[in-house]
Each structure stands twice: as structure tokens, then as C-alpha cells.
Protein backbone atom coordinates (compact mmCIF):
# COMPACT_ATOMS: atom_id res chain seq x y z
CA UNK A 1 -39.02 0.96 -34.67
CA UNK A 2 -36.72 3.84 -35.54
CA UNK A 3 -34.72 2.97 -32.41
CA UNK A 4 -34.28 -0.62 -33.58
CA UNK A 5 -33.40 0.46 -37.11
CA UNK A 6 -30.77 2.91 -35.86
CA UNK A 7 -29.20 0.17 -33.75
CA UNK A 8 -28.98 -2.10 -36.80
CA UNK A 9 -27.37 0.72 -38.82
CA UNK A 10 -24.70 1.07 -36.09
CA UNK A 11 -23.89 -2.61 -36.48
CA UNK A 12 -24.07 -2.50 -40.30
CA UNK A 13 -21.72 0.48 -40.52
CA UNK A 14 -19.21 -1.14 -38.17
CA UNK A 15 -19.62 1.49 -35.47
CA UNK A 16 -20.07 -1.17 -32.79
CA UNK A 17 -20.64 -4.88 -32.29
CA UNK A 18 -24.09 -6.25 -31.46
CA UNK A 19 -22.99 -6.75 -27.87
CA UNK A 20 -21.71 -3.18 -27.61
CA UNK A 21 -24.90 -1.69 -29.08
CA UNK A 22 -27.05 -3.64 -26.64
CA UNK A 23 -24.81 -2.96 -23.65
CA UNK A 24 -24.86 0.78 -24.38
CA UNK A 25 -28.68 0.77 -24.44
CA UNK A 26 -28.92 -1.26 -21.24
CA UNK A 27 -26.38 0.78 -19.29
CA UNK A 28 -26.88 4.19 -20.85
CA UNK A 29 -30.67 4.18 -21.19
CA UNK A 30 -31.48 1.73 -18.37
CA UNK A 31 -33.39 -0.53 -20.77
CA UNK A 32 -33.92 -4.13 -19.65
CA UNK A 33 -32.64 -5.43 -23.00
CA UNK A 34 -30.80 -3.94 -25.93
CA UNK A 35 -32.44 -3.11 -29.26
CA UNK A 36 -30.82 -5.95 -31.18
CA UNK A 37 -31.82 -8.55 -28.60
CA UNK A 38 -35.33 -7.05 -28.69
CA UNK A 39 -35.42 -7.31 -32.49
CA UNK A 40 -34.40 -10.98 -32.20
CA UNK A 41 -37.20 -11.54 -29.69
CA UNK A 42 -39.83 -9.85 -31.88
CA UNK A 43 -38.57 -11.60 -35.02
CA UNK A 44 -36.60 -9.86 -37.76
CA UNK A 45 -39.27 -10.69 -40.33
CA UNK A 46 -41.86 -8.91 -38.17
CA UNK A 47 -39.52 -5.96 -37.55
CA UNK A 48 -38.89 -5.67 -41.30
CA UNK A 49 -42.60 -5.80 -42.14
CA UNK A 50 -43.39 -3.10 -39.58
CA UNK A 51 -40.57 -0.86 -40.82
CA UNK A 52 -41.68 -1.22 -44.43
CA UNK A 53 -45.26 -0.39 -43.48
CA UNK A 54 -44.22 2.66 -41.45
CA UNK A 55 -41.98 3.87 -44.26
CA UNK A 56 -44.76 3.48 -46.85
CA UNK A 57 -47.20 5.39 -44.65
CA UNK A 58 -44.88 8.19 -43.53
CA UNK A 59 -42.15 8.32 -46.20
CA UNK A 60 -39.83 9.09 -43.28
CA UNK A 61 -36.31 7.75 -43.87
CA UNK A 62 -35.89 6.79 -40.22
CA UNK A 63 -38.18 3.85 -41.04
CA UNK A 64 -36.35 2.82 -44.22
CA UNK A 65 -35.02 -0.62 -43.23
CA UNK A 66 -31.29 -1.10 -42.96
CA UNK A 67 -30.07 -3.48 -45.70
CA UNK A 68 -28.70 -5.77 -42.99
CA UNK A 69 -32.22 -6.58 -41.77
CA UNK A 70 -33.35 -7.42 -45.30
CA UNK A 71 -30.27 -9.59 -45.84
CA UNK A 72 -30.83 -11.48 -42.59
CA UNK A 73 -34.51 -12.09 -43.36
CA UNK A 74 -33.62 -13.42 -46.83
CA UNK A 75 -31.20 -15.86 -45.14
CA UNK A 76 -33.96 -16.89 -42.67
CA UNK A 77 -31.98 -15.49 -39.75
CA UNK A 78 -35.09 -14.25 -37.98
CA UNK A 79 -33.95 -14.20 -34.36
CA UNK A 80 -34.99 -16.48 -31.53
CA UNK A 81 -37.61 -18.35 -33.55
CA UNK A 82 -34.93 -19.66 -35.95
CA UNK A 83 -32.22 -19.76 -33.26
CA UNK A 84 -30.12 -17.24 -35.18
CA UNK A 85 -30.38 -13.50 -35.66
CA UNK A 86 -28.09 -10.86 -34.23
CA UNK A 87 -27.26 -13.54 -31.65
CA UNK A 88 -27.28 -17.34 -31.70
CA UNK A 89 -29.73 -19.20 -29.47
CA UNK A 90 -29.43 -22.80 -28.35
């Protein structure tokens, strides 16, 4: 989860686009999919709930959810299941 959260922070802070974050993970780490695409697949509401739970249990800031995830969940942009998250799905 920390990996997903860090990827969202990169996007939130304008360091890179969603596509660039995912491409870097796929090419640089040889992952089959990038962290933002993975978060969309899992569901941003599920990702947020897991991060909040991990943060409450550990008090480790790496699990403190990026505000962008909370904002997207409030707007019901939950990923593939709502056809919109970090990417749009048809």
C-alpha cells in the first residue's frame, strides 16, 4: 500500500502524469502494471480503507492517504468499477 500511496503523491504533487508514473514502474521495476492502474483495478475506495486501517494500526506516515485519493473517493471516482479513476474506462 505504501507503494501505491507514494505513486499517488507523485501525481498529486505534479512530479509526473499518471501515465508516466505507471510507465516508470513497468519499465523500471518490470511490474506487469503500474501502481495507479493497479489502484484503479483494486478500487480506490478499497485502497483508501486499507490505507486508513494501516495508518491507524501503525501510525506510520507512509500509510497516511494522499488527499487526492480521498478527493477521488468523495467524487465516486473509484477506478474500473465506476469507469473512472486515475484512468477512464469504457
